[in-house]
Amino acid sequence: MLRSVTVKSRRLQVAVVDDEAHVRKALARLMRGAGFEVQTWTSGGAFLSSLAEKAVDCVVLDLHMPGLSGFDILVSLQSNGPQVPVVVITGQDTPEAGARALASGAFAYLCKPVDGDELIRTITQAAAPAPH
């Protein structure tokens, strides 16, 4: 039986930003099964617009999307947005993309198809409160 993953007695709030409907649906199902609260966005622009209304504990972000790319979102979050950990996922892995994503502030860089257990562990680690 899965137990909810919590931060300070509440369920983790995870944002999924991916332009592919089947990927968003599969990731949301996986994360809800792990006990996370999940919201999904079809574009980086829509996600960034929502940040004023809804705080999240972790973002799962596709790199390659029309409009604002995952790289654009990483830069925006680092310079303007709340400091929220980002787990980058991509189906177009290159050493350059991985290095750039991590240098732009991503907590982790994972390749599609993403291993579900690894993704849940990574999100949990990314959202863990920093030790004092």
N, C-alpha and C. Protein backbone atom coordinates (compact mmCIF):
# COMPACT_ATOMS: atom_id res chain seq x y z
N MET A 1 0.84 -1.19 0.00
CA MET A 1 0.00 0.00 0.00
C MET A 1 0.89 1.25 0.00
N LEU A 2 0.58 2.18 -0.89
CA LEU A 2 1.34 3.42 -0.97
C LEU A 2 0.89 4.38 0.11
N ARG A 3 1.82 5.12 0.66
CA ARG A 3 1.44 6.16 1.60
C ARG A 3 1.72 7.51 0.95
N SER A 4 0.98 8.49 1.34
CA SER A 4 1.17 9.82 0.77
C SER A 4 2.53 10.37 1.18
N VAL A 5 3.16 11.03 0.25
CA VAL A 5 4.43 11.69 0.53
C VAL A 5 4.10 13.11 0.97
N THR A 6 4.60 13.48 2.15
CA THR A 6 4.21 14.77 2.70
C THR A 6 5.41 15.64 3.00
N VAL A 7 5.14 16.92 3.04
CA VAL A 7 6.10 17.92 3.50
C VAL A 7 5.38 18.69 4.59
N LYS A 8 5.92 18.62 5.82
CA LYS A 8 5.31 19.33 6.94
C LYS A 8 3.81 19.05 7.01
N SER A 9 3.42 17.79 7.02
CA SER A 9 2.05 17.30 7.20
C SER A 9 1.10 17.65 6.05
N ARG A 10 1.60 17.87 4.85
CA ARG A 10 0.73 18.02 3.69
C ARG A 10 1.33 17.27 2.52
N ARG A 11 0.48 16.93 1.58
CA ARG A 11 0.96 16.19 0.41
C ARG A 11 1.79 17.09 -0.49
N LEU A 12 2.81 16.50 -1.09
CA LEU A 12 3.66 17.24 -2.03
C LEU A 12 2.83 17.73 -3.22
N GLN A 13 3.04 18.98 -3.59
CA GLN A 13 2.39 19.59 -4.74
C GLN A 13 3.37 19.54 -5.90
N VAL A 14 3.04 18.79 -6.95
CA VAL A 14 3.94 18.62 -8.08
C VAL A 14 3.29 19.16 -9.34
N ALA A 15 4.03 19.94 -10.09
CA ALA A 15 3.59 20.45 -11.38
C ALA A 15 4.25 19.64 -12.48
N VAL A 16 3.46 19.23 -13.46
CA VAL A 16 3.98 18.55 -14.64
C VAL A 16 3.76 19.47 -15.83
N VAL A 17 4.84 19.81 -16.52
CA VAL A 17 4.76 20.68 -17.69
C VAL A 17 5.31 19.91 -18.88
N ASP A 18 4.40 19.49 -19.77
CA ASP A 18 4.79 18.70 -20.94
C ASP A 18 3.73 18.91 -22.01
N ASP A 19 4.14 19.10 -23.25
CA ASP A 19 3.20 19.35 -24.33
C ASP A 19 2.53 18.08 -24.85
N GLU A 20 3.00 16.92 -24.46
CA GLU A 20 2.42 15.67 -24.93
C GLU A 20 1.37 15.15 -23.94
N ALA A 21 0.12 15.07 -24.41
CA ALA A 21 -1.01 14.69 -23.54
C ALA A 21 -0.80 13.32 -22.90
N HIS A 22 -0.34 12.33 -23.66
CA HIS A 22 -0.18 10.99 -23.09
C HIS A 22 0.91 10.97 -22.02
N VAL A 23 1.93 11.79 -22.16
CA VAL A 23 2.99 11.86 -21.15
C VAL A 23 2.45 12.51 -19.88
N ARG A 24 1.73 13.64 -20.03
CA ARG A 24 1.13 14.30 -18.86
C ARG A 24 0.22 13.36 -18.10
N LYS A 25 -0.62 12.65 -18.84
CA LYS A 25 -1.58 11.74 -18.20
C LYS A 25 -0.86 10.60 -17.45
N ALA A 26 0.13 10.01 -18.09
CA ALA A 26 0.87 8.91 -17.46
C ALA A 26 1.63 9.38 -16.23
N LEU A 27 2.30 10.53 -16.33
CA LEU A 27 3.05 11.04 -15.19
C LEU A 27 2.12 11.41 -14.04
N ALA A 28 0.99 12.04 -14.36
CA ALA A 28 0.04 12.41 -13.31
C ALA A 28 -0.50 11.17 -12.60
N ARG A 29 -0.81 10.13 -13.34
CA ARG A 29 -1.31 8.88 -12.75
C ARG A 29 -0.25 8.27 -11.83
N LEU A 30 0.98 8.22 -12.29
CA LEU A 30 2.09 7.68 -11.49
C LEU A 30 2.26 8.46 -10.20
N MET A 31 2.28 9.77 -10.31
CA MET A 31 2.53 10.61 -9.13
C MET A 31 1.36 10.59 -8.16
N ARG A 32 0.15 10.58 -8.66
CA ARG A 32 -1.01 10.48 -7.76
C ARG A 32 -1.00 9.14 -7.03
N GLY A 33 -0.59 8.10 -7.72
CA GLY A 33 -0.46 6.78 -7.09
C GLY A 33 0.57 6.77 -5.98
N ALA A 34 1.55 7.66 -6.07
CA ALA A 34 2.59 7.76 -5.04
C ALA A 34 2.17 8.71 -3.92
N GLY A 35 0.98 9.31 -4.05
CA GLY A 35 0.49 10.18 -2.98
C GLY A 35 0.72 11.66 -3.19
N PHE A 36 1.19 12.06 -4.36
CA PHE A 36 1.40 13.48 -4.63
C PHE A 36 0.11 14.13 -5.12
N GLU A 37 -0.02 15.42 -4.86
CA GLU A 37 -1.05 16.24 -5.51
C GLU A 37 -0.41 16.71 -6.81
N VAL A 38 -1.10 16.58 -7.93
CA VAL A 38 -0.50 16.87 -9.23
C VAL A 38 -1.38 17.83 -10.02
N GLN A 39 -0.74 18.81 -10.62
CA GLN A 39 -1.39 19.67 -11.60
C GLN A 39 -0.56 19.59 -12.87
N THR A 40 -1.23 19.65 -14.02
CA THR A 40 -0.52 19.56 -15.29
C THR A 40 -0.75 20.80 -16.13
N TRP A 41 0.26 21.10 -16.95
CA TRP A 41 0.19 22.22 -17.89
C TRP A 41 0.69 21.75 -19.23
N THR A 42 0.08 22.29 -20.29
CA THR A 42 0.44 21.93 -21.66
C THR A 42 1.56 22.79 -22.22
N SER A 43 1.88 23.89 -21.54
CA SER A 43 2.91 24.79 -22.05
C SER A 43 3.63 25.48 -20.90
N GLY A 44 4.84 25.91 -21.20
CA GLY A 44 5.63 26.64 -20.21
C GLY A 44 5.01 27.97 -19.85
N GLY A 45 4.43 28.66 -20.83
CA GLY A 45 3.80 29.95 -20.57
C GLY A 45 2.63 29.83 -19.61
N ALA A 46 1.79 28.82 -19.83
CA ALA A 46 0.64 28.60 -18.94
C ALA A 46 1.11 28.28 -17.52
N PHE A 47 2.16 27.47 -17.41
CA PHE A 47 2.70 27.14 -16.10
C PHE A 47 3.21 28.38 -15.38
N LEU A 48 4.03 29.18 -16.06
CA LEU A 48 4.58 30.38 -15.43
C LEU A 48 3.48 31.33 -14.99
N SER A 49 2.43 31.45 -15.79
CA SER A 49 1.31 32.33 -15.44
C SER A 49 0.59 31.87 -14.18
N SER A 50 0.63 30.57 -13.91
CA SER A 50 -0.10 30.01 -12.77
C SER A 50 0.65 30.15 -11.45
N LEU A 51 1.93 30.44 -11.49
CA LEU A 51 2.74 30.43 -10.27
C LEU A 51 2.30 31.45 -9.23
N ALA A 52 1.71 32.54 -9.65
CA ALA A 52 1.24 33.54 -8.68
C ALA A 52 0.07 33.01 -7.87
N GLU A 53 -0.66 32.05 -8.43
CA GLU A 53 -1.86 31.52 -7.77
C GLU A 53 -1.62 30.24 -6.99
N LYS A 54 -0.66 29.44 -7.41
CA LYS A 54 -0.52 28.10 -6.84
C LYS A 54 0.95 27.78 -6.60
N ALA A 55 1.33 27.59 -5.36
CA ALA A 55 2.70 27.20 -5.03
C ALA A 55 2.88 25.71 -5.29
N VAL A 56 4.06 25.34 -5.74
CA VAL A 56 4.37 23.93 -5.95
C VAL A 56 5.67 23.59 -5.24
N ASP A 57 5.80 22.32 -4.89
CA ASP A 57 7.00 21.84 -4.21
C ASP A 57 8.07 21.35 -5.19
N CYS A 58 7.64 20.95 -6.39
CA CYS A 58 8.56 20.43 -7.39
C CYS A 58 7.91 20.53 -8.76
N VAL A 59 8.72 20.77 -9.77
CA VAL A 59 8.25 20.83 -11.15
C VAL A 59 8.92 19.71 -11.94
N VAL A 60 8.11 18.96 -12.69
CA VAL A 60 8.62 17.98 -13.63
C VAL A 60 8.43 18.62 -15.00
N LEU A 61 9.54 18.90 -15.68
CA LEU A 61 9.54 19.78 -16.84
C LEU A 61 10.15 19.12 -18.07
N ASP A 62 9.38 19.08 -19.15
CA ASP A 62 9.90 18.62 -20.43
C ASP A 62 10.80 19.71 -21.01
N LEU A 63 11.89 19.33 -21.64
CA LEU A 63 12.79 20.33 -22.22
C LEU A 63 12.31 20.87 -23.56
N HIS A 64 11.77 20.01 -24.39
CA HIS A 64 11.47 20.39 -25.77
C HIS A 64 9.97 20.52 -25.98
N MET A 65 9.52 21.78 -25.99
CA MET A 65 8.10 22.09 -26.18
C MET A 65 8.00 23.29 -27.12
N PRO A 66 6.88 23.41 -27.84
CA PRO A 66 6.69 24.61 -28.65
C PRO A 66 6.56 25.84 -27.75
N GLY A 67 6.85 27.00 -28.28
CA GLY A 67 6.78 28.22 -27.47
C GLY A 67 7.98 28.24 -26.53
N LEU A 68 7.70 28.49 -25.25
CA LEU A 68 8.79 28.49 -24.26
C LEU A 68 9.29 27.07 -24.07
N SER A 69 10.58 26.90 -24.20
CA SER A 69 11.18 25.57 -23.98
C SER A 69 11.41 25.36 -22.49
N GLY A 70 11.75 24.14 -22.13
CA GLY A 70 12.12 23.87 -20.75
C GLY A 70 13.31 24.71 -20.30
N PHE A 71 14.24 24.97 -21.21
CA PHE A 71 15.38 25.83 -20.87
C PHE A 71 14.89 27.23 -20.52
N ASP A 72 13.93 27.75 -21.31
CA ASP A 72 13.38 29.08 -21.03
C ASP A 72 12.72 29.12 -19.64
N ILE A 73 12.01 28.06 -19.30
CA ILE A 73 11.32 27.99 -18.00
C ILE A 73 12.35 27.95 -16.88
N LEU A 74 13.41 27.16 -17.05
CA LEU A 74 14.46 27.10 -16.03
C LEU A 74 15.07 28.47 -15.78
N VAL A 75 15.38 29.18 -16.85
CA VAL A 75 15.97 30.51 -16.71
C VAL A 75 15.00 31.46 -16.01
N SER A 76 13.73 31.40 -16.39
CA SER A 76 12.73 32.27 -15.77
C SER A 76 12.58 31.97 -14.29
N LEU A 77 12.53 30.70 -13.93
CA LEU A 77 12.40 30.34 -12.52
C LEU A 77 13.61 30.79 -11.72
N GLN A 78 14.80 30.68 -12.30
CA GLN A 78 16.01 31.08 -11.59
C GLN A 78 16.08 32.59 -11.39
N SER A 79 15.61 33.35 -12.37
CA SER A 79 15.76 34.81 -12.29
C SER A 79 14.53 35.52 -11.73
N ASN A 80 13.34 35.00 -11.97
CA ASN A 80 12.12 35.72 -11.59
C ASN A 80 11.20 34.96 -10.64
N GLY A 81 11.24 33.67 -10.74
CA GLY A 81 10.21 32.88 -10.08
C GLY A 81 10.58 32.45 -8.69
N PRO A 82 9.67 31.72 -8.09
CA PRO A 82 9.97 31.14 -6.79
C PRO A 82 11.07 30.09 -6.93
N GLN A 83 11.83 29.92 -5.90
CA GLN A 83 12.88 28.91 -5.93
C GLN A 83 12.24 27.55 -5.69
N VAL A 84 11.97 26.88 -6.77
CA VAL A 84 11.32 25.57 -6.71
C VAL A 84 12.20 24.57 -7.45
N PRO A 85 12.40 23.39 -6.88
CA PRO A 85 13.23 22.40 -7.56
C PRO A 85 12.56 21.90 -8.84
N VAL A 86 13.39 21.68 -9.85
CA VAL A 86 12.90 21.24 -11.15
C VAL A 86 13.59 19.94 -11.54
N VAL A 87 12.77 18.95 -11.90
CA VAL A 87 13.27 17.70 -12.45
C VAL A 87 12.99 17.75 -13.95
N VAL A 88 14.04 17.80 -14.73
CA VAL A 88 13.90 17.87 -16.19
C VAL A 88 13.77 16.46 -16.74
N ILE A 89 12.84 16.31 -17.70
CA ILE A 89 12.71 15.05 -18.42
C ILE A 89 12.78 15.37 -19.91
N THR A 90 13.40 14.47 -20.66
CA THR A 90 13.50 14.70 -22.10
C THR A 90 13.56 13.40 -22.87
N GLY A 91 13.02 13.45 -24.06
CA GLY A 91 13.13 12.33 -24.98
C GLY A 91 14.22 12.56 -26.01
N GLN A 92 14.88 13.71 -25.92
CA GLN A 92 15.94 14.08 -26.86
C GLN A 92 17.23 14.35 -26.10
N ASP A 93 17.75 13.29 -25.50
CA ASP A 93 18.93 13.40 -24.65
C ASP A 93 20.19 13.67 -25.45
N THR A 94 20.94 14.66 -25.00
CA THR A 94 22.30 14.90 -25.50
C THR A 94 23.14 15.31 -24.30
N PRO A 95 24.44 15.08 -24.35
CA PRO A 95 25.29 15.54 -23.24
C PRO A 95 25.18 17.05 -23.03
N GLU A 96 25.06 17.80 -24.13
CA GLU A 96 24.96 19.25 -24.03
C GLU A 96 23.67 19.66 -23.32
N ALA A 97 22.56 19.01 -23.66
CA ALA A 97 21.27 19.34 -23.03
C ALA A 97 21.32 19.06 -21.54
N GLY A 98 21.88 17.91 -21.16
CA GLY A 98 21.99 17.58 -19.75
C GLY A 98 22.83 18.58 -18.98
N ALA A 99 23.98 18.92 -19.54
CA ALA A 99 24.86 19.89 -18.89
C ALA A 99 24.18 21.25 -18.79
N ARG A 100 23.51 21.67 -19.85
CA ARG A 100 22.84 22.98 -19.85
C ARG A 100 21.70 23.01 -18.84
N ALA A 101 20.90 21.94 -18.78
CA ALA A 101 19.78 21.90 -17.84
C ALA A 101 20.28 21.99 -16.40
N LEU A 102 21.30 21.23 -16.07
CA LEU A 102 21.84 21.25 -14.71
C LEU A 102 22.49 22.60 -14.40
N ALA A 103 23.20 23.17 -15.37
CA ALA A 103 23.82 24.48 -15.16
C ALA A 103 22.77 25.58 -15.01
N SER A 104 21.58 25.34 -15.59
CA SER A 104 20.49 26.33 -15.50
C SER A 104 19.66 26.17 -14.24
N GLY A 105 20.05 25.24 -13.37
CA GLY A 105 19.38 25.13 -12.09
C GLY A 105 18.52 23.91 -11.87
N ALA A 106 18.46 22.99 -12.84
CA ALA A 106 17.66 21.78 -12.65
C ALA A 106 18.24 20.94 -11.50
N PHE A 107 17.36 20.36 -10.70
CA PHE A 107 17.79 19.47 -9.62
C PHE A 107 18.30 18.15 -10.21
N ALA A 108 17.60 17.68 -11.27
CA ALA A 108 17.95 16.40 -11.89
C ALA A 108 17.56 16.44 -13.37
N TYR A 109 18.17 15.56 -14.13
CA TYR A 109 17.95 15.43 -15.57
C TYR A 109 17.71 13.96 -15.85
N LEU A 110 16.49 13.62 -16.29
CA LEU A 110 16.13 12.23 -16.56
C LEU A 110 15.67 12.08 -18.01
N CYS A 111 15.88 10.90 -18.56
CA CYS A 111 15.52 10.65 -19.95
C CYS A 111 14.22 9.84 -20.05
N LYS A 112 13.41 10.20 -21.05
CA LYS A 112 12.20 9.44 -21.35
C LYS A 112 12.59 8.20 -22.15
N PRO A 113 11.94 7.08 -21.95
CA PRO A 113 10.89 6.89 -20.96
C PRO A 113 11.48 6.87 -19.55
N VAL A 114 10.84 7.59 -18.66
CA VAL A 114 11.32 7.76 -17.30
C VAL A 114 10.93 6.53 -16.47
N ASP A 115 11.88 6.04 -15.70
CA ASP A 115 11.59 4.96 -14.75
C ASP A 115 10.76 5.55 -13.62
N GLY A 116 9.58 5.00 -13.39
CA GLY A 116 8.65 5.54 -12.40
C GLY A 116 9.22 5.63 -11.00
N ASP A 117 9.87 4.57 -10.54
CA ASP A 117 10.43 4.57 -9.19
C ASP A 117 11.53 5.62 -9.05
N GLU A 118 12.36 5.73 -10.08
CA GLU A 118 13.42 6.73 -10.05
C GLU A 118 12.83 8.15 -10.01
N LEU A 119 11.78 8.38 -10.80
CA LEU A 119 11.17 9.70 -10.81
C LEU A 119 10.57 10.04 -9.45
N ILE A 120 9.86 9.12 -8.84
CA ILE A 120 9.25 9.37 -7.52
C ILE A 120 10.34 9.66 -6.48
N ARG A 121 11.41 8.87 -6.49
CA ARG A 121 12.54 9.11 -5.56
C ARG A 121 13.15 10.48 -5.80
N THR A 122 13.33 10.85 -7.05
CA THR A 122 13.96 12.13 -7.39
C THR A 122 13.09 13.30 -6.94
N ILE A 123 11.79 13.21 -7.19
CA ILE A 123 10.87 14.26 -6.76
C ILE A 123 10.90 14.40 -5.24
N THR A 124 10.86 13.29 -4.53
CA THR A 124 10.88 13.29 -3.08
C THR A 124 12.17 13.93 -2.56
N GLN A 125 13.30 13.59 -3.16
CA GLN A 125 14.57 14.20 -2.75
C GLN A 125 14.61 15.69 -3.08
N ALA A 126 14.10 16.06 -4.26
CA ALA A 126 14.12 17.47 -4.68
C ALA A 126 13.27 18.33 -3.76
N ALA A 127 12.15 17.81 -3.30
CA ALA A 127 11.21 18.59 -2.49
C ALA A 127 11.50 18.53 -1.00
N ALA A 128 12.46 17.71 -0.61
CA ALA A 128 12.79 17.58 0.81
C ALA A 128 13.29 18.91 1.35
N PRO A 129 12.84 19.29 2.53
CA PRO A 129 13.35 20.52 3.13
C PRO A 129 14.86 20.45 3.33
N ALA A 130 15.51 21.56 3.11
CA ALA A 130 16.96 21.63 3.30
C ALA A 130 17.28 21.46 4.77
N PRO A 131 18.32 20.69 5.10
CA PRO A 131 18.69 20.54 6.50
C PRO A 131 19.21 21.86 7.06
N HIS A 132 18.96 22.08 8.33
CA HIS A 132 19.40 23.34 8.95
C HIS A 132 20.75 23.20 9.57
